[in-house]
Protein backbone atom coordinates (compact mmCIF):
# COMPACT_ATOMS: atom_id res chain seq x y z
CA LEU A 1 58.96 -21.90 37.56
CA ARG A 2 59.52 -18.31 35.02
CA TRP A 3 60.48 -21.04 32.19
CA ILE A 4 56.88 -23.27 33.01
CA GLY A 5 53.83 -22.01 31.82
CA THR A 6 50.80 -22.52 33.87
CA GLU A 7 47.01 -23.54 32.39
CA PHE A 8 44.31 -25.51 34.09
CA MET A 9 43.86 -28.30 31.88
CA PRO A 10 45.86 -29.62 29.02
CA LYS A 11 44.11 -28.78 25.82
CA LEU A 12 42.79 -32.74 24.32
CA ASN A 13 42.34 -32.99 20.35
CA GLU A 14 38.59 -34.10 20.47
CA GLY A 15 39.15 -34.86 16.69
CA SER A 16 36.84 -32.37 15.93
CA ILE A 17 36.99 -28.32 16.12
CA LEU A 18 33.95 -26.34 17.43
CA ILE A 19 33.84 -22.44 15.51
CA THR A 20 31.47 -20.28 17.43
CA THR A 21 30.25 -17.72 15.24
CA ARG A 22 28.48 -14.33 15.66
CA ARG A 23 26.95 -12.17 13.53
CA LEU A 24 24.87 -8.65 13.94
CA PRO A 25 22.03 -9.34 16.97
CA SER A 26 19.30 -7.56 13.97
CA ILE A 27 20.11 -10.20 10.99
CA SER A 28 17.43 -12.52 9.90
CA LEU A 29 16.97 -15.25 9.96
CA ASP A 30 17.63 -15.99 6.05
CA ASP A 31 20.51 -13.61 6.03
CA ALA A 32 21.88 -15.87 8.89
CA THR A 33 21.49 -18.72 7.42
CA ARG A 34 23.12 -17.36 3.98
CA LEU A 35 26.46 -16.49 5.75
CA SER A 36 27.20 -19.47 7.42
CA LEU A 37 26.36 -21.80 4.54
CA GLN A 38 29.09 -19.12 2.91
CA ALA A 39 31.00 -20.38 5.84
CA GLU A 40 30.92 -23.88 6.04
CA ARG A 41 31.99 -23.50 1.86
CA ILE A 42 35.08 -22.48 2.48
CA VAL A 43 35.32 -24.34 6.03
CA LYS A 44 34.13 -28.12 3.39
CA ALA A 45 37.19 -26.99 1.15
CA PHE A 46 39.84 -27.98 2.94
CA PRO A 47 40.61 -31.93 2.40
CA GLU A 48 41.33 -32.21 6.17
CA VAL A 49 37.56 -31.29 6.64
CA LEU A 50 35.13 -34.76 6.64
CA THR A 51 31.85 -33.06 7.04
CA VAL A 52 30.34 -29.61 8.33
CA VAL A 53 27.29 -28.39 10.22
CA THR A 54 26.12 -25.40 12.23
CA LYS A 55 23.05 -25.12 14.64
CA GLU A 56 22.03 -21.41 14.42
CA GLY A 57 20.51 -20.47 18.09
CA ARG A 58 19.34 -22.65 20.96
CA PRO A 59 16.46 -23.30 22.69
CA ASP A 60 15.51 -20.53 25.50
CA LEU A 61 16.87 -23.29 28.39
CA ALA A 62 18.58 -21.76 31.37
CA THR A 63 22.13 -22.65 29.57
CA GLU A 64 21.35 -23.09 26.84
CA ALA A 65 20.04 -19.67 25.03
CA MET A 66 21.46 -17.98 22.11
CA GLY A 67 20.18 -15.97 19.44
CA LEU A 68 19.71 -16.46 15.63
CA PHE A 69 22.60 -13.55 15.59
CA GLU A 70 24.59 -16.68 17.12
CA GLY A 71 25.60 -20.39 15.64
CA ASP A 72 28.17 -23.22 16.33
CA MET A 73 29.92 -24.60 13.16
CA TYR A 74 30.76 -28.63 14.82
CA VAL A 75 33.78 -29.34 12.60
CA ILE A 76 34.28 -33.20 11.96
CA LEU A 77 37.92 -34.15 10.64
CA LYS A 78 39.72 -36.82 8.60
CA PRO A 79 42.33 -38.68 10.99
CA GLU A 80 45.78 -36.44 10.59
CA ASP A 81 47.24 -39.27 8.55
CA GLU A 82 45.54 -37.43 5.79
CA TRP A 83 45.92 -34.11 6.36
CA THR A 84 47.69 -31.93 3.90
CA SER A 85 47.24 -27.80 4.89
CA ALA A 86 48.36 -28.41 8.71
CA ASN A 87 50.46 -30.85 10.76
CA SER A 88 48.34 -29.82 13.36
CA GLN A 89 44.71 -29.32 14.95
CA ASP A 90 46.45 -25.42 16.34
CA GLU A 91 47.89 -25.13 12.00
CA LEU A 92 44.83 -26.06 11.17
CA VAL A 93 42.44 -23.48 13.65
CA SER A 94 45.03 -20.94 11.80
CA VAL A 95 44.51 -21.87 8.36
CA LEU A 96 40.78 -21.91 8.62
CA ASP A 97 41.13 -18.63 11.23
CA SER A 98 42.15 -17.01 7.78
CA ALA A 99 40.26 -18.60 5.31
CA LEU A 100 36.84 -17.16 7.37
CA ALA A 101 38.14 -13.88 8.04
CA VAL A 102 37.31 -12.88 4.16
CA ILE A 103 33.24 -12.77 5.20
CA PRO A 104 32.30 -9.33 6.60
CA GLY A 105 30.66 -9.31 9.91
CA LEU A 106 30.76 -12.67 10.95
CA GLU A 107 32.97 -12.72 14.32
CA ILE A 108 34.34 -16.32 15.09
CA SER A 109 35.95 -18.38 17.63
CA PHE A 110 37.38 -21.84 17.87
CA THR A 111 37.06 -24.31 20.39
CA GLN A 112 36.19 -28.08 20.47
CA PRO A 113 32.73 -29.03 21.30
CA LEU A 114 33.26 -30.82 25.00
CA ALA A 115 35.49 -28.00 25.76
CA MET A 116 32.51 -25.64 25.08
CA ARG A 117 30.56 -27.72 26.76
CA LEU A 118 32.87 -27.60 30.11
CA ASP A 119 33.38 -24.03 29.52
CA GLU A 120 30.02 -22.71 29.60
CA ALA A 121 28.76 -25.68 32.38
CA GLU A 122 31.85 -24.07 34.53
CA SER A 123 31.53 -20.60 34.03
CA GLY A 124 29.00 -19.98 31.53
CA ILE A 125 32.36 -18.35 29.05
CA LYS A 126 33.49 -20.33 26.79
CA THR A 127 36.67 -19.19 25.91
CA ASP A 128 39.60 -19.19 27.85
CA LEU A 129 39.87 -15.36 29.48
CA GLY A 130 36.57 -13.87 30.31
CA VAL A 131 37.00 -9.95 31.67
CA LYS A 132 34.19 -9.21 32.58
CA VAL A 133 33.47 -5.34 33.28
CA VAL A 134 30.56 -5.06 36.05
CA SER A 135 28.99 -1.22 37.12
CA ASN A 136 25.57 -0.03 36.43
CA ASP A 137 26.00 2.28 33.79
CA ILE A 138 25.72 -0.61 30.33
CA GLU A 139 27.40 2.62 28.19
CA ASN A 140 29.72 2.48 30.31
CA ASN A 141 30.30 -0.85 30.44
CA GLN A 142 30.61 -1.01 26.60
CA ARG A 143 33.30 1.25 26.49
CA ILE A 144 35.21 0.25 29.30
CA ALA A 145 35.34 -3.39 27.17
CA GLU A 146 36.26 -1.59 24.19
CA ARG A 147 39.00 -0.13 25.37
CA LEU A 148 39.92 -3.41 27.30
CA LEU A 149 39.60 -4.79 23.91
CA ALA A 150 42.05 -2.87 22.42
CA VAL A 151 44.38 -3.75 24.75
CA ILE A 152 44.31 -7.10 24.93
CA ARG A 153 44.87 -6.99 20.91
CA THR A 154 48.02 -6.25 21.19
CA VAL A 155 48.56 -9.21 23.66
CA PRO A 156 51.10 -11.51 22.14
CA GLY A 157 49.30 -14.96 22.40
CA ASN A 158 45.94 -13.58 21.52
CA ALA A 159 43.03 -15.34 19.78
CA ASP A 160 39.29 -14.58 18.39
CA ALA A 161 39.23 -11.30 20.83
CA SER A 162 35.59 -9.95 21.15
CA VAL A 163 33.17 -7.98 23.16
CA GLU A 164 30.28 -10.20 23.79
CA VAL A 165 27.30 -8.62 21.18
CA SER A 166 25.10 -6.57 23.28
CA GLU A 167 24.40 -3.76 21.19
CA GLY A 168 22.55 -3.88 17.77
CA SER A 169 18.75 -5.12 18.02
CA GLY A 170 17.00 -3.05 15.54
CA GLN A 171 14.40 -1.18 17.36
CA ILE A 172 11.70 1.87 16.57
CA SER A 173 11.61 5.21 19.05
CA ILE A 174 8.88 7.36 19.44
CA GLN A 175 8.92 10.03 20.83
CA VAL A 176 5.78 11.75 21.64
CA ASN A 177 4.81 15.46 21.75
CA ARG A 178 2.98 16.43 25.00
CA ASP A 179 2.10 20.02 23.29
CA ALA A 180 0.36 18.91 19.90
CA LEU A 181 -1.11 16.10 21.88
CA ALA A 182 -2.73 18.81 24.28
CA GLN A 183 -3.69 21.06 21.19
CA TYR A 184 -6.13 17.95 19.85
CA GLY A 185 -7.57 16.94 22.63
CA LEU A 186 -5.07 13.12 22.88
CA SER A 187 -3.49 11.50 25.23
CA VAL A 188 -0.29 8.59 25.41
CA ALA A 189 -2.96 5.96 25.44
CA ASP A 190 -4.81 7.50 22.94
CA VAL A 191 -1.04 7.33 20.67
CA GLN A 192 -0.45 3.78 21.55
CA ARG A 193 -3.67 2.10 20.08
CA PRO A 194 -3.02 2.52 17.30
CA LEU A 195 0.61 1.71 17.31
CA GLU A 196 -0.53 -1.71 19.37
CA LEU A 197 -2.70 -2.62 16.63
CA ALA A 198 -0.37 -2.15 13.50
CA MET A 199 2.39 -4.28 15.37
CA GLY A 200 -0.54 -6.60 16.55
CA SER A 201 0.31 -6.48 19.52
CA ILE A 202 -3.33 -6.34 20.95
CA GLU A 203 -6.48 -8.16 20.17
CA ALA A 204 -8.51 -5.77 17.10
CA SER A 205 -11.85 -8.40 17.67
CA GLU A 206 -13.56 -11.56 18.21
CA LEU A 207 -14.27 -14.14 16.40
CA VAL A 208 -18.13 -16.62 17.78
CA ASP A 209 -17.32 -19.69 17.30
CA GLY A 210 -20.22 -21.66 18.98
CA PRO A 211 -18.67 -21.74 23.02
CA ARG A 212 -15.03 -20.25 21.66
CA ARG A 213 -14.24 -17.11 21.16
CA ILE A 214 -11.28 -16.47 18.95
CA GLY A 215 -9.07 -13.12 19.12
CA LEU A 216 -8.01 -11.55 15.39
CA VAL A 217 -5.38 -9.79 15.07
CA VAL A 218 -4.80 -7.07 12.74
CA ARG A 219 -1.71 -6.06 12.08
CA TYR A 220 1.05 -4.03 8.98
CA PRO A 221 2.99 -6.54 6.62
CA ASP A 222 6.50 -6.96 7.72
CA ALA A 223 7.59 -4.48 5.32
CA GLN A 224 5.55 -1.34 6.66
CA ARG A 225 5.61 -2.87 10.55
CA ASN A 226 9.74 -2.22 9.90
CA ASP A 227 9.28 1.13 7.99
CA VAL A 228 9.09 4.72 9.95
CA SER A 229 7.20 6.33 7.58
CA ALA A 230 4.81 3.86 7.37
CA LEU A 231 3.66 3.99 10.43
CA SER A 232 3.93 7.90 10.55
CA THR A 233 0.73 7.69 8.52
CA LEU A 234 -0.62 6.25 10.66
CA THR A 235 -4.20 8.48 12.00
CA ILE A 236 -5.39 8.49 15.63
CA ARG A 237 -9.12 9.54 15.94
CA ALA A 238 -9.64 13.13 18.15
CA PRO A 239 -12.21 14.10 20.39
CA SER A 240 -13.40 15.94 18.09
CA GLY A 241 -13.94 13.56 15.13
CA ALA A 242 -10.77 14.53 13.31
CA LEU A 243 -7.86 11.90 11.88
CA VAL A 244 -5.02 13.35 13.13
CA PRO A 245 -1.36 11.69 11.54
CA LEU A 246 0.67 10.15 13.72
CA SER A 247 3.83 12.27 12.32
CA ALA A 248 1.76 14.90 14.16
CA VAL A 249 1.84 13.87 17.88
CA ALA A 250 4.96 12.00 17.77
CA THR A 251 8.40 11.90 16.07
CA LEU A 252 9.20 8.04 14.86
CA ILE A 253 13.32 7.11 14.89
CA SER A 254 14.90 3.92 13.40
CA THR A 255 17.01 2.93 15.78
CA THR A 256 19.11 0.56 17.93
CA GLY A 257 19.13 -1.07 21.34
CA PRO A 258 20.39 -4.25 23.91
CA GLU A 259 19.90 -7.40 22.55
CA LEU A 260 20.62 -8.73 25.78
CA ILE A 261 21.93 -6.99 28.90
CA GLY A 262 24.32 -9.31 31.01
CA HIS A 263 24.13 -9.51 34.69
CA GLU A 264 26.96 -10.56 37.79
CA ASP A 265 26.37 -9.72 41.89
CA GLY A 266 23.03 -7.39 41.01
CA GLN A 267 24.84 -4.95 38.53
CA ARG A 268 25.44 -4.97 34.64
CA ARG A 269 28.35 -5.82 33.14
CA ALA A 270 30.15 -6.50 29.69
CA LEU A 271 32.29 -9.17 29.05
CA VAL A 272 35.32 -9.32 26.60
CA LEU A 273 36.33 -12.75 25.59
CA SER A 274 40.07 -13.61 24.08
CA ASN A 275 41.34 -17.10 23.53
CA VAL A 276 45.15 -18.38 23.98
CA ARG A 277 47.76 -19.43 20.73
CA GLY A 278 51.22 -19.55 21.24
CA ARG A 279 51.37 -19.18 25.07
CA ASP A 280 50.27 -20.28 28.08
CA LEU A 281 47.19 -19.11 30.00
CA GLY A 282 48.64 -18.43 33.21
CA SER A 283 51.65 -15.46 31.03
CA PHE A 284 49.16 -14.35 29.02
CA VAL A 285 46.78 -12.68 31.90
CA GLN A 286 49.99 -11.65 34.00
CA GLU A 287 50.56 -9.57 30.60
CA VAL A 288 47.50 -8.15 29.89
CA ARG A 289 46.48 -7.79 33.59
CA ALA A 290 49.27 -5.78 33.92
CA ARG A 291 48.83 -3.71 30.49
CA ILE A 292 45.10 -2.53 31.87
CA GLY A 293 46.17 -1.59 34.76
CA ARG A 294 49.10 0.69 32.89
CA GLU A 295 46.70 2.16 30.31
CA VAL A 296 43.07 1.69 31.54
CA GLN A 297 41.86 3.89 33.94
CA LEU A 298 38.58 2.63 35.56
CA PRO A 299 35.41 5.11 36.29
CA PRO A 300 34.87 5.01 40.36
CA GLY A 301 31.74 2.42 40.82
CA THR A 302 33.39 -0.07 37.98
CA PHE A 303 36.02 -3.14 38.40
CA LEU A 304 36.73 -6.31 36.36
CA GLU A 305 35.69 -9.83 37.06
CA TRP A 306 38.39 -12.44 35.23
CA GLY A 307 36.29 -15.45 34.53
CA GLY A 308 36.57 -18.21 31.72
CA GLN A 309 39.32 -21.17 32.06
CA TYR A 310 41.67 -18.59 33.83
CA GLU A 311 39.19 -18.21 36.92
CA ASN A 312 38.57 -22.14 37.15
CA GLN A 313 42.85 -22.44 37.24
CA GLN A 314 43.16 -19.78 39.51
CA ARG A 315 40.33 -21.30 41.95
CA ALA A 316 41.97 -25.45 41.28
CA MET A 317 45.68 -23.84 42.64
CA ALA A 318 44.02 -22.02 45.35
CA ARG A 319 42.29 -25.76 47.08
CA LEU A 320 46.18 -26.85 46.02
CA THR A 321 47.78 -24.43 48.16
CA LEU A 322 45.78 -25.92 50.96
CA VAL A 323 45.82 -29.45 49.98
CA VAL A 324 49.11 -29.82 49.39
CA PRO A 325 50.96 -28.88 52.71
CA ALA A 326 47.70 -30.68 54.30
CA ALA A 327 48.98 -33.84 52.59
CA LEU A 328 52.72 -33.26 53.42
CA LEU A 329 51.74 -32.93 56.77
CA LEU A 330 50.40 -36.16 56.52
CA ILE A 331 52.93 -37.63 55.62
CA TYR A 332 54.83 -36.86 57.72
CA LEU A 333 53.12 -37.87 60.61
CA LEU A 334 52.16 -41.03 59.57
CA LEU A 335 55.81 -41.20 59.11
CA PHE A 336 56.79 -40.05 63.14
CA ALA A 337 54.26 -42.64 63.64
CA SER A 338 56.54 -45.71 61.59
CA PHE A 339 60.20 -44.52 62.80
CA ARG A 340 58.99 -43.13 66.68
CA SER A 341 61.84 -40.32 65.00
CA ILE A 342 61.86 -37.04 63.99
CA SER A 343 64.63 -37.18 62.38
CA GLN A 344 63.59 -40.26 60.48
CA ALA A 345 60.97 -38.74 59.13
CA PHE A 346 62.41 -35.58 58.44
CA LEU A 347 64.69 -37.14 56.59
CA VAL A 348 62.45 -39.24 54.35
CA LEU A 349 60.53 -36.55 53.66
CA THR A 350 63.37 -34.66 52.15
CA ASN A 351 63.26 -37.06 48.68
CA VAL A 352 60.12 -35.11 47.86
CA PRO A 353 62.39 -31.66 46.77
CA PHE A 354 64.55 -34.03 45.09
CA ALA A 355 61.62 -36.02 43.05
CA LEU A 356 59.83 -32.49 42.96
CA VAL A 357 63.09 -30.74 41.03
CA GLY A 358 62.81 -34.28 38.46
CA GLY A 359 59.24 -33.92 37.75
CA ILE A 360 59.42 -29.88 37.03
CA ALA A 361 62.00 -30.81 34.52
CA MET A 362 60.37 -33.34 32.94
CA LEU A 363 57.41 -30.69 32.49
CA TRP A 364 60.47 -28.63 30.91
CA LEU A 365 61.89 -31.11 28.27
CA ARG A 366 58.44 -32.34 27.08
CA GLY A 367 57.10 -28.66 26.20
CA ILE A 368 54.10 -29.00 28.58
CA ASN A 369 52.68 -26.49 31.31
CA LEU A 370 51.76 -26.93 34.28
CA ASN A 371 48.30 -27.80 35.04
CA LEU A 372 45.73 -29.02 37.17
CA SER A 373 46.81 -32.63 36.16
CA ALA A 374 50.18 -31.71 36.99
CA SER A 375 49.72 -30.71 40.02
CA ILE A 376 47.56 -33.89 41.23
CA GLY A 377 50.14 -35.75 39.04
CA PHE A 378 52.88 -34.18 41.56
CA ILE A 379 51.04 -35.46 44.80
CA ALA A 380 50.94 -38.98 43.52
CA LEU A 381 54.55 -38.18 43.13
CA PHE A 382 55.20 -37.64 46.12
CA GLY A 383 53.71 -40.58 47.86
CA ILE A 384 55.78 -42.30 45.74
CA ALA A 385 58.76 -40.50 46.90
CA VAL A 386 58.25 -41.12 50.18
CA LEU A 387 57.36 -45.07 50.14
CA ASN A 388 60.70 -45.31 48.05
CA GLY A 389 62.67 -43.57 50.86
CA VAL A 390 60.58 -46.23 53.72
CA VAL A 391 61.84 -49.00 51.74
CA LEU A 392 65.55 -47.88 52.40
CA VAL A 393 65.00 -46.85 56.04
CA THR A 394 63.37 -49.68 56.75
CA HIS A 395 65.69 -51.81 55.48
CA MET A 396 68.49 -50.19 57.24
CA ASN A 397 67.28 -49.91 60.45
CA ALA A 398 67.02 -53.43 59.99
CA LEU A 399 70.79 -54.09 59.54
CA ARG A 400 71.35 -51.45 62.50
CA ASP A 401 69.62 -53.87 64.34
CA THR A 402 71.99 -56.81 63.88
CA GLY A 403 75.03 -54.36 64.51
CA MET A 404 76.01 -53.01 61.78
CA ARG A 405 77.47 -49.12 61.84
CA ILE A 406 75.56 -46.55 60.10
CA ALA A 407 77.69 -45.82 57.26
CA ASP A 408 77.54 -49.65 56.47
CA ALA A 409 74.12 -50.21 57.68
CA VAL A 410 73.57 -46.94 54.71
CA ARG A 411 76.40 -48.67 52.03
CA GLN A 412 74.64 -51.62 52.68
CA GLY A 413 70.93 -50.61 52.30
CA ALA A 414 71.07 -48.72 49.31
CA ALA A 415 72.58 -51.35 47.53
CA ASP A 416 70.27 -53.94 49.18
CA ARG A 417 67.11 -52.02 48.10
CA LEU A 418 68.50 -50.75 44.65
CA ARG A 419 66.99 -52.63 42.89
CA PRO A 420 63.03 -52.18 44.51
CA VAL A 421 63.55 -48.49 44.89
CA LEU A 422 64.24 -48.26 40.63
CA MET A 423 61.24 -51.22 40.12
CA THR A 424 58.52 -48.85 41.46
CA ALA A 425 59.52 -46.06 40.23
CA LEU A 426 59.65 -46.61 36.58
CA VAL A 427 56.86 -48.92 36.99
CA ALA A 428 55.31 -45.02 38.51
CA SER A 429 56.84 -43.48 35.17
């Protein structure tokens, strides 16, 4: 079956496109909205597009959590007979991908609304392939993920390849000089309190309103709270009564930290994402795995897990390897119970391989990949093939019971049952 591709489920045309957008985690809501509007204007300019709407972020539910740096752009399309820029949805996706590439700092991936929901509910991964890099070291995971991404981008058929955003959240790191603290008679808690007050993390006082007590927070304006030099001028009162600037006892550094930390089986993980266009998922993943095995050396304690649609496909095919033999065995037992003959039951069952050849030939002629739907269809096909065999053998046995020789019964039975067999097969087709 090397010349037939494999995939989990056939890709249906929903009549709309979902573009998942990602930006730097430290981006503000205003800048995220500005980039989304710019992307919307580019997409809306295509004559195939009816309307566009973008949703920035999602509520913090278990299956819905998304930061403001992520967004879902829903593209509603006109009927295909009104299209002029592309002849199919795959072509339109390629054209939109090229057009949106002009926006700096915007990572995108293409899917469809219902397909995205199903993928997210199944495995939490919204692309065809997700490679999980699992270990206890975040930096190691990110480094390996970048190397995997470089390999995947060289494999034909990759699309929207990226590493899940995990770094980029703006932070201010405070490195306390304990010798300087001792010189002024201060403790780390003495440094923390003015910082917490400036950030608005703790209450500075209370407002008494009858029986109510309302906490008051006093904090720096946003511009100064994000400014290292402004925070460095905060003063700390020493036991001696002197006012000591924060810069004298600590070093403030503007840096970035993790926006999110993914976990897998109690360990930390990084995620490499990729869609597949222009080829089947199964052969794409096989080539990716072979290339990664040759070109990427994993450190001790680091391992890979393969998720997304590929994970669903492997799980489904593993179940089918049990279901199909069990179904064939059950069919054989029923045939044996019907004919009371091992040879006749086996004779009817030999229809199955010939039906399988015809089914695979039709998949190849239509250019359809072997997927879960086709596999279930093959099980139904086996039943029809066996049914036709039962019709023929039963009639031939009836002719033999009248005293007809085997050769004559075979010829007469085949002629008599040609029309019923054709009717059954054509209706199923």
